[in-house]
Amino acid sequence: MKEGIHPDYREVVFQDMSNDFKFITRSTIQTRETIDFEGKQYPLIKIEVSSESHPFYTGKHKIVDTAGRVDKFRKKFGTVGSKTQVAE
């Protein structure tokens, strides 16, 4: 490989902000934040969803209601044909 044309490929910590789950993987993503993880300092990437919080992997389905759209839809169509349950 040619020198100086490839990005820095290194170990990075990804942190799921919804449940504070952290994992290490290799990436070329650039960040200014760092974190001490397992006694070593790594670059930190903050993410919103990971396999620890995604409904597909956890089995918990959450409906995020913005401006009453879900309630408006349910009033209009009811629960006919609904394949999901509402998480409480």
PDB file of N, CA and C in Angstrom:
ATOM      1  N   MET A   1       0.837  -1.185   0.000  1.00  0.00           N
ATOM      2  CA  MET A   1       0.000   0.000   0.000  1.00  0.00           C
ATOM      3  C   MET A   1       0.880   1.245   0.000  1.00  0.00           C
ATOM      4  N   LYS A   2       0.406   2.288  -0.640  1.00  0.00           N
ATOM      5  CA  LYS A   2       1.142   3.540  -0.667  1.00  0.00           C
ATOM      6  C   LYS A   2       1.088   4.217   0.701  1.00  0.00           C
ATOM      7  N   GLU A   3       2.157   4.858   1.066  1.00  0.00           N
ATOM      8  CA  GLU A   3       2.230   5.587   2.325  1.00  0.00           C
ATOM      9  C   GLU A   3       1.516   6.926   2.205  1.00  0.00           C
ATOM     10  N   GLY A   4       0.835   7.333   3.288  1.00  0.00           N
ATOM     11  CA  GLY A   4       0.266   8.671   3.376  1.00  0.00           C
ATOM     12  C   GLY A   4      -1.064   8.892   2.688  1.00  0.00           C
ATOM     13  N   ILE A   5      -1.652   7.870   2.051  1.00  0.00           N
ATOM     14  CA  ILE A   5      -2.936   8.094   1.364  1.00  0.00           C
ATOM     15  C   ILE A   5      -4.103   7.420   2.088  1.00  0.00           C
ATOM     16  N   HIS A   6      -3.811   6.569   3.080  1.00  0.00           N
ATOM     17  CA  HIS A   6      -4.867   5.848   3.783  1.00  0.00           C
ATOM     18  C   HIS A   6      -5.147   6.492   5.135  1.00  0.00           C
ATOM     19  N   PRO A   7      -6.421   6.492   5.567  1.00  0.00           N
ATOM     20  CA  PRO A   7      -6.746   7.050   6.887  1.00  0.00           C
ATOM     21  C   PRO A   7      -6.202   6.145   7.995  1.00  0.00           C
ATOM     22  N   ASP A   8      -6.099   6.713   9.184  1.00  0.00           N
ATOM     23  CA  ASP A   8      -5.584   5.993  10.342  1.00  0.00           C
ATOM     24  C   ASP A   8      -6.616   4.959  10.802  1.00  0.00           C
ATOM     25  N   TYR A   9      -6.287   3.679  10.689  1.00  0.00           N
ATOM     26  CA  TYR A   9      -7.168   2.578  11.077  1.00  0.00           C
ATOM     27  C   TYR A   9      -6.740   2.115  12.455  1.00  0.00           C
ATOM     28  N   ARG A  10      -7.598   2.374  13.468  1.00  0.00           N
ATOM     29  CA  ARG A  10      -7.200   2.118  14.844  1.00  0.00           C
ATOM     30  C   ARG A  10      -8.381   1.621  15.663  1.00  0.00           C
ATOM     31  N   GLU A  11      -8.099   1.193  16.905  1.00  0.00           N
ATOM     32  CA  GLU A  11      -9.161   0.766  17.807  1.00  0.00           C
ATOM     33  C   GLU A  11      -9.895   1.989  18.341  1.00  0.00           C
ATOM     34  N   VAL A  12     -11.228   1.891  18.379  1.00  0.00           N
ATOM     35  CA  VAL A  12     -12.091   2.986  18.805  1.00  0.00           C
ATOM     36  C   VAL A  12     -13.164   2.413  19.727  1.00  0.00           C
ATOM     37  N   VAL A  13     -13.560   3.183  20.743  1.00  0.00           N
ATOM     38  CA  VAL A  13     -14.663   2.788  21.621  1.00  0.00           C
ATOM     39  C   VAL A  13     -15.935   3.460  21.127  1.00  0.00           C
ATOM     40  N   PHE A  14     -16.979   2.670  20.894  1.00  0.00           N
ATOM     41  CA  PHE A  14     -18.303   3.179  20.569  1.00  0.00           C
ATOM     42  C   PHE A  14     -19.148   3.078  21.827  1.00  0.00           C
ATOM     43  N   GLN A  15     -19.826   4.177  22.199  1.00  0.00           N
ATOM     44  CA  GLN A  15     -20.648   4.204  23.405  1.00  0.00           C
ATOM     45  C   GLN A  15     -22.093   4.488  23.031  1.00  0.00           C
ATOM     46  N   ASP A  16     -22.981   3.562  23.415  1.00  0.00           N
ATOM     47  CA  ASP A  16     -24.417   3.733  23.206  1.00  0.00           C
ATOM     48  C   ASP A  16     -24.922   4.678  24.293  1.00  0.00           C
ATOM     49  N   MET A  17     -25.410   5.840  23.907  1.00  0.00           N
ATOM     50  CA  MET A  17     -25.821   6.850  24.875  1.00  0.00           C
ATOM     51  C   MET A  17     -27.137   6.516  25.567  1.00  0.00           C
ATOM     52  N   SER A  18     -27.943   5.624  25.019  1.00  0.00           N
ATOM     53  CA  SER A  18     -29.218   5.299  25.643  1.00  0.00           C
ATOM     54  C   SER A  18     -29.074   4.368  26.835  1.00  0.00           C
ATOM     55  N   ASN A  19     -28.012   3.550  26.884  1.00  0.00           N
ATOM     56  CA  ASN A  19     -27.852   2.637  28.018  1.00  0.00           C
ATOM     57  C   ASN A  19     -26.408   2.511  28.497  1.00  0.00           C
ATOM     58  N   ASP A  20     -25.525   3.364  28.029  1.00  0.00           N
ATOM     59  CA  ASP A  20     -24.122   3.413  28.452  1.00  0.00           C
ATOM     60  C   ASP A  20     -23.348   2.137  28.120  1.00  0.00           C
ATOM     61  N   PHE A  21     -23.765   1.396  27.122  1.00  0.00           N
ATOM     62  CA  PHE A  21     -23.048   0.204  26.661  1.00  0.00           C
ATOM     63  C   PHE A  21     -21.864   0.645  25.806  1.00  0.00           C
ATOM     64  N   LYS A  22     -20.689   0.053  26.052  1.00  0.00           N
ATOM     65  CA  LYS A  22     -19.483   0.418  25.305  1.00  0.00           C
ATOM     66  C   LYS A  22     -18.870  -0.830  24.686  1.00  0.00           C
ATOM     67  N   PHE A  23     -18.295  -0.670  23.485  1.00  0.00           N
ATOM     68  CA  PHE A  23     -17.574  -1.768  22.860  1.00  0.00           C
ATOM     69  C   PHE A  23     -16.440  -1.214  22.013  1.00  0.00           C
ATOM     70  N   ILE A  24     -15.417  -2.043  21.841  1.00  0.00           N
ATOM     71  CA  ILE A  24     -14.237  -1.648  21.073  1.00  0.00           C
ATOM     72  C   ILE A  24     -14.277  -2.323  19.711  1.00  0.00           C
ATOM     73  N   THR A  25     -13.971  -1.565  18.694  1.00  0.00           N
ATOM     74  CA  THR A  25     -13.812  -2.106  17.353  1.00  0.00           C
ATOM     75  C   THR A  25     -12.798  -1.237  16.626  1.00  0.00           C
ATOM     76  N   ARG A  26     -12.427  -1.631  15.439  1.00  0.00           N
ATOM     77  CA  ARG A  26     -11.462  -0.851  14.663  1.00  0.00           C
ATOM     78  C   ARG A  26     -12.221   0.015  13.661  1.00  0.00           C
ATOM     79  N   SER A  27     -11.732   1.241  13.471  1.00  0.00           N
ATOM     80  CA  SER A  27     -12.416   2.177  12.588  1.00  0.00           C
ATOM     81  C   SER A  27     -11.449   3.259  12.116  1.00  0.00           C
ATOM     82  N   THR A  28     -11.842   3.940  11.042  1.00  0.00           N
ATOM     83  CA  THR A  28     -11.079   5.089  10.550  1.00  0.00           C
ATOM     84  C   THR A  28     -11.773   6.396  10.892  1.00  0.00           C
ATOM     85  N   ILE A  29     -12.897   6.335  11.610  1.00  0.00           N
ATOM     86  CA  ILE A  29     -13.665   7.530  11.938  1.00  0.00           C
ATOM     87  C   ILE A  29     -12.834   8.488  12.790  1.00  0.00           C
ATOM     88  N   GLN A  30     -12.980   9.777  12.530  1.00  0.00           N
ATOM     89  CA  GLN A  30     -12.223  10.802  13.247  1.00  0.00           C
ATOM     90  C   GLN A  30     -13.054  11.355  14.403  1.00  0.00           C
ATOM     91  N   THR A  31     -12.416  11.590  15.550  1.00  0.00           N
ATOM     92  CA  THR A  31     -13.084  12.142  16.718  1.00  0.00           C
ATOM     93  C   THR A  31     -12.091  12.929  17.550  1.00  0.00           C
ATOM     94  N   ARG A  32     -12.619  13.857  18.318  1.00  0.00           N
ATOM     95  CA  ARG A  32     -11.768  14.643  19.212  1.00  0.00           C
ATOM     96  C   ARG A  32     -11.870  14.147  20.644  1.00  0.00           C
ATOM     97  N   GLU A  33     -12.891  13.342  20.938  1.00  0.00           N
ATOM     98  CA  GLU A  33     -13.105  12.857  22.297  1.00  0.00           C
ATOM     99  C   GLU A  33     -12.334  11.571  22.535  1.00  0.00           C
ATOM    100  N   THR A  34     -11.898  11.376  23.783  1.00  0.00           N
ATOM    101  CA  THR A  34     -11.230  10.140  24.178  1.00  0.00           C
ATOM    102  C   THR A  34     -11.859   9.634  25.466  1.00  0.00           C
ATOM    103  N   ILE A  35     -11.611   8.357  25.759  1.00  0.00           N
ATOM    104  CA  ILE A  35     -12.145   7.736  26.964  1.00  0.00           C
ATOM    105  C   ILE A  35     -11.140   6.709  27.466  1.00  0.00           C
ATOM    106  N   ASP A  36     -11.067   6.570  28.794  1.00  0.00           N
ATOM    107  CA  ASP A  36     -10.279   5.493  29.391  1.00  0.00           C
ATOM    108  C   ASP A  36     -11.181   4.283  29.510  1.00  0.00           C
ATOM    109  N   PHE A  37     -10.821   3.211  28.846  1.00  0.00           N
ATOM    110  CA  PHE A  37     -11.635   1.992  28.823  1.00  0.00           C
ATOM    111  C   PHE A  37     -10.717   0.803  29.032  1.00  0.00           C
ATOM    112  N   GLU A  38     -10.995   0.035  30.077  1.00  0.00           N
ATOM    113  CA  GLU A  38     -10.209  -1.145  30.421  1.00  0.00           C
ATOM    114  C   GLU A  38      -8.725  -0.807  30.573  1.00  0.00           C
ATOM    115  N   GLY A  39      -8.450   0.336  31.211  1.00  0.00           N
ATOM    116  CA  GLY A  39      -7.084   0.722  31.515  1.00  0.00           C
ATOM    117  C   GLY A  39      -6.286   1.326  30.381  1.00  0.00           C
ATOM    118  N   LYS A  40      -6.913   1.628  29.270  1.00  0.00           N
ATOM    119  CA  LYS A  40      -6.217   2.198  28.121  1.00  0.00           C
ATOM    120  C   LYS A  40      -7.057   3.336  27.547  1.00  0.00           C
ATOM    121  N   GLN A  41      -6.423   4.318  26.955  1.00  0.00           N
ATOM    122  CA  GLN A  41      -7.151   5.445  26.383  1.00  0.00           C
ATOM    123  C   GLN A  41      -7.425   5.204  24.898  1.00  0.00           C
ATOM    124  N   TYR A  42      -8.704   5.411  24.512  1.00  0.00           N
ATOM    125  CA  TYR A  42      -9.150   5.190  23.137  1.00  0.00           C
ATOM    126  C   TYR A  42      -9.916   6.412  22.646  1.00  0.00           C
ATOM    127  N   PRO A  43      -9.981   6.616  21.331  1.00  0.00           N
ATOM    128  CA  PRO A  43     -10.907   7.612  20.773  1.00  0.00           C
ATOM    129  C   PRO A  43     -12.343   7.164  21.054  1.00  0.00           C
ATOM    130  N   LEU A  44     -13.250   8.111  21.292  1.00  0.00           N
ATOM    131  CA  LEU A  44     -14.636   7.803  21.660  1.00  0.00           C
ATOM    132  C   LEU A  44     -15.594   8.292  20.590  1.00  0.00           C
ATOM    133  N   ILE A  45     -16.531   7.418  20.199  1.00  0.00           N
ATOM    134  CA  ILE A  45     -17.622   7.758  19.291  1.00  0.00           C
ATOM    135  C   ILE A  45     -18.926   7.494  20.043  1.00  0.00           C
ATOM    136  N   LYS A  46     -19.787   8.506  20.121  1.00  0.00           N
ATOM    137  CA  LYS A  46     -21.076   8.366  20.805  1.00  0.00           C
ATOM    138  C   LYS A  46     -22.142   8.052  19.761  1.00  0.00           C
ATOM    139  N   ILE A  47     -22.918   7.001  20.025  1.00  0.00           N
ATOM    140  CA  ILE A  47     -23.981   6.587  19.107  1.00  0.00           C
ATOM    141  C   ILE A  47     -25.309   6.526  19.856  1.00  0.00           C
ATOM    142  N   GLU A  48     -26.403   6.600  19.140  1.00  0.00           N
ATOM    143  CA  GLU A  48     -27.731   6.583  19.742  1.00  0.00           C
ATOM    144  C   GLU A  48     -28.284   5.166  19.892  1.00  0.00           C
ATOM    145  N   VAL A  49     -27.962   4.281  18.950  1.00  0.00           N
ATOM    146  CA  VAL A  49     -28.532   2.930  18.944  1.00  0.00           C
ATOM    147  C   VAL A  49     -27.436   1.920  18.672  1.00  0.00           C
ATOM    148  N   SER A  50     -27.440   0.851  19.450  1.00  0.00           N
ATOM    149  CA  SER A  50     -26.529  -0.270  19.208  1.00  0.00           C
ATOM    150  C   SER A  50     -27.342  -1.561  19.345  1.00  0.00           C
ATOM    151  N   SER A  51     -26.681  -2.687  19.242  1.00  0.00           N
ATOM    152  CA  SER A  51     -27.387  -3.961  19.371  1.00  0.00           C
ATOM    153  C   SER A  51     -27.951  -4.154  20.774  1.00  0.00           C
ATOM    154  N   GLU A  52     -27.432  -3.430  21.758  1.00  0.00           N
ATOM    155  CA  GLU A  52     -27.932  -3.528  23.131  1.00  0.00           C
ATOM    156  C   GLU A  52     -29.214  -2.731  23.354  1.00  0.00           C
ATOM    157  N   SER A  53     -29.526  -1.794  22.460  1.00  0.00           N
ATOM    158  CA  SER A  53     -30.719  -0.975  22.648  1.00  0.00           C
ATOM    159  C   SER A  53     -31.693  -1.016  21.478  1.00  0.00           C
ATOM    160  N   HIS A  54     -31.326  -1.630  20.363  1.00  0.00           N
ATOM    161  CA  HIS A  54     -32.204  -1.671  19.194  1.00  0.00           C
ATOM    162  C   HIS A  54     -33.349  -2.661  19.434  1.00  0.00           C
ATOM    163  N   PRO A  55     -34.590  -2.267  19.128  1.00  0.00           N
ATOM    164  CA  PRO A  55     -35.741  -3.148  19.371  1.00  0.00           C
ATOM    165  C   PRO A  55     -35.650  -4.501  18.673  1.00  0.00           C
ATOM    166  N   PHE A  56     -35.025  -4.580  17.522  1.00  0.00           N
ATOM    167  CA  PHE A  56     -34.910  -5.853  16.817  1.00  0.00           C
ATOM    168  C   PHE A  56     -34.125  -6.869  17.643  1.00  0.00           C
ATOM    169  N   TYR A  57     -33.069  -6.424  18.312  1.00  0.00           N
ATOM    170  CA  TYR A  57     -32.223  -7.326  19.090  1.00  0.00           C
ATOM    171  C   TYR A  57     -32.717  -7.522  20.517  1.00  0.00           C
ATOM    172  N   THR A  58     -33.387  -6.521  21.094  1.00  0.00           N
ATOM    173  CA  THR A  58     -33.843  -6.624  22.483  1.00  0.00           C
ATOM    174  C   THR A  58     -35.231  -7.238  22.595  1.00  0.00           C
ATOM    175  N   GLY A  59     -36.024  -7.181  21.527  1.00  0.00           N
ATOM    176  CA  GLY A  59     -37.379  -7.703  21.566  1.00  0.00           C
ATOM    177  C   GLY A  59     -38.375  -6.725  22.164  1.00  0.00           C
ATOM    178  N   LYS A  60     -37.942  -5.547  22.533  1.00  0.00           N
ATOM    179  CA  LYS A  60     -38.825  -4.528  23.103  1.00  0.00           C
ATOM    180  C   LYS A  60     -39.098  -3.473  22.052  1.00  0.00           C
ATOM    181  N   HIS A  61     -40.362  -3.286  21.726  1.00  0.00           N
ATOM    182  CA  HIS A  61     -40.729  -2.319  20.695  1.00  0.00           C
ATOM    183  C   HIS A  61     -41.225  -1.050  21.366  1.00  0.00           C
ATOM    184  N   LYS A  62     -40.609   0.069  21.064  1.00  0.00           N
ATOM    185  CA  LYS A  62     -41.033   1.366  21.582  1.00  0.00           C
ATOM    186  C   LYS A  62     -41.524   2.205  20.421  1.00  0.00           C
ATOM    187  N   ILE A  63     -42.610   2.908  20.657  1.00  0.00           N
ATOM    188  CA  ILE A  63     -43.110   3.832  19.658  1.00  0.00           C
ATOM    189  C   ILE A  63     -42.783   5.239  20.141  1.00  0.00           C
ATOM    190  N   VAL A  64     -42.004   5.963  19.382  1.00  0.00           N
ATOM    191  CA  VAL A  64     -41.653   7.331  19.733  1.00  0.00           C
ATOM    192  C   VAL A  64     -42.703   8.233  19.101  1.00  0.00           C
ATOM    193  N   ASP A  65     -43.484   8.873  19.953  1.00  0.00           N
ATOM    194  CA  ASP A  65     -44.586   9.701  19.481  1.00  0.00           C
ATOM    195  C   ASP A  65     -44.143  11.153  19.374  1.00  0.00           C
ATOM    196  N   THR A  66     -44.211  11.682  18.176  1.00  0.00           N
ATOM    197  CA  THR A  66     -43.889  13.087  17.978  1.00  0.00           C
ATOM    198  C   THR A  66     -45.151  13.800  17.535  1.00  0.00           C
ATOM    199  N   ALA A  67     -45.570  14.731  18.349  1.00  0.00           N
ATOM    200  CA  ALA A  67     -46.729  15.589  18.058  1.00  0.00           C
ATOM    201  C   ALA A  67     -48.028  14.802  17.936  1.00  0.00           C
ATOM    202  N   GLY A  68     -48.174  13.697  18.681  1.00  0.00           N
ATOM    203  CA  GLY A  68     -49.423  12.954  18.706  1.00  0.00           C
ATOM    204  C   GLY A  68     -49.753  12.198  17.446  1.00  0.00           C
ATOM    205  N   ARG A  69     -48.782  11.925  16.606  1.00  0.00           N
ATOM    206  CA  ARG A  69     -49.039  11.247  15.336  1.00  0.00           C
ATOM    207  C   ARG A  69     -49.547   9.828  15.535  1.00  0.00           C
ATOM    208  N   VAL A  70     -49.010   9.140  16.519  1.00  0.00           N
ATOM    209  CA  VAL A  70     -49.444   7.762  16.763  1.00  0.00           C
ATOM    210  C   VAL A  70     -50.885   7.744  17.242  1.00  0.00           C
ATOM    211  N   ASP A  71     -51.235   8.631  18.184  1.00  0.00           N
ATOM    212  CA  ASP A  71     -52.614   8.691  18.671  1.00  0.00           C
ATOM    213  C   ASP A  71     -53.590   9.074  17.558  1.00  0.00           C
ATOM    214  N   LYS A  72     -53.196  10.015  16.725  1.00  0.00           N
ATOM    215  CA  LYS A  72     -54.043  10.424  15.606  1.00  0.00           C
ATOM    216  C   LYS A  72     -54.284   9.252  14.656  1.00  0.00           C
ATOM    217  N   PHE A  73     -53.213   8.477  14.377  1.00  0.00           N
ATOM    218  CA  PHE A  73     -53.345   7.324  13.502  1.00  0.00           C
ATOM    219  C   PHE A  73     -54.257   6.270  14.126  1.00  0.00           C
ATOM    220  N   ARG A  74     -54.092   6.013  15.417  1.00  0.00           N
ATOM    221  CA  ARG A  74     -54.921   4.994  16.082  1.00  0.00           C
ATOM    222  C   ARG A  74     -56.389   5.409  16.145  1.00  0.00           C
ATOM    223  N   LYS A  75     -56.658   6.699  16.322  1.00  0.00           N
ATOM    224  CA  LYS A  75     -58.041   7.168  16.333  1.00  0.00           C
ATOM    225  C   LYS A  75     -58.671   6.984  14.957  1.00  0.00           C
ATOM    226  N   LYS A  76     -57.878   7.209  13.925  1.00  0.00           N
ATOM    227  CA  LYS A  76     -58.393   7.123  12.565  1.00  0.00           C
ATOM    228  C   LYS A  76     -58.588   5.676  12.119  1.00  0.00           C
ATOM    229  N   PHE A  77     -57.601   4.812  12.401  1.00  0.00           N
ATOM    230  CA  PHE A  77     -57.637   3.448  11.889  1.00  0.00           C
ATOM    231  C   PHE A  77     -57.838   2.373  12.958  1.00  0.00           C
ATOM    232  N   GLY A  78     -57.734   2.717  14.227  1.00  0.00           N
ATOM    233  CA  GLY A  78     -57.872   1.735  15.284  1.00  0.00           C
ATOM    234  C   GLY A  78     -56.685   0.800  15.319  1.00  0.00           C
ATOM    235  N   THR A  79     -56.901  -0.428  15.757  1.00  0.00           N
ATOM    236  CA  THR A  79     -55.802  -1.400  15.822  1.00  0.00           C
ATOM    237  C   THR A  79     -55.938  -2.458  14.746  1.00  0.00           C
ATOM    238  N   VAL A  80     -56.722  -2.199  13.729  1.00  0.00           N
ATOM    239  CA  VAL A  80     -56.932  -3.158  12.641  1.00  0.00           C
ATOM    240  C   VAL A  80     -55.624  -3.379  11.902  1.00  0.00           C
ATOM    241  N   GLY A  81     -55.203  -4.619  11.834  1.00  0.00           N
ATOM    242  CA  GLY A  81     -53.997  -4.956  11.093  1.00  0.00           C
ATOM    243  C   GLY A  81     -52.702  -4.626  11.819  1.00  0.00           C
ATOM    244  N   SER A  82     -52.766  -4.208  13.072  1.00  0.00           N
ATOM    245  CA  SER A  82     -51.545  -3.865  13.811  1.00  0.00           C
ATOM    246  C   SER A  82     -50.807  -5.130  14.201  1.00  0.00           C
ATOM    247  N   LYS A  83     -49.515  -5.158  13.905  1.00  0.00           N
ATOM    248  CA  LYS A  83     -48.696  -6.313  14.228  1.00  0.00           C
ATOM    249  C   LYS A  83     -47.752  -6.038  15.393  1.00  0.00           C
ATOM    250  N   THR A  84     -47.808  -4.823  15.933  1.00  0.00           N
ATOM    251  CA  THR A  84     -46.911  -4.462  17.030  1.00  0.00           C
ATOM    252  C   THR A  84     -47.687  -4.192  18.286  1.00  0.00           C
ATOM    253  N   GLN A  85     -47.004  -4.377  19.414  1.00  0.00           N
ATOM    254  CA  GLN A  85     -47.585  -4.049  20.689  1.00  0.00           C
ATOM    255  C   GLN A  85     -46.907  -2.796  21.212  1.00  0.00           C
ATOM    256  N   VAL A  86     -47.617  -2.062  22.008  1.00  0.00           N
ATOM    257  CA  VAL A  86     -47.061  -0.836  22.579  1.00  0.00           C
ATOM    258  C   VAL A  86     -46.319  -1.176  23.855  1.00  0.00           C
ATOM    259  N   ALA A  87     -45.061  -0.744  23.966  1.00  0.00           N
ATOM    260  CA  ALA A  87     -44.269  -0.968  25.177  1.00  0.00           C
ATOM    261  C   ALA A  87     -44.696   0.026  26.233  1.00  0.00           C
ATOM    262  N   GLU A  88     -44.743  -0.430  27.467  1.00  0.00           N
ATOM    263  CA  GLU A  88     -45.154   0.464  28.571  1.00  0.00           C
ATOM    264  C   GLU A  88     -44.002   0.832  29.426  1.00  0.00           C
TER     265      GLU A  88
END
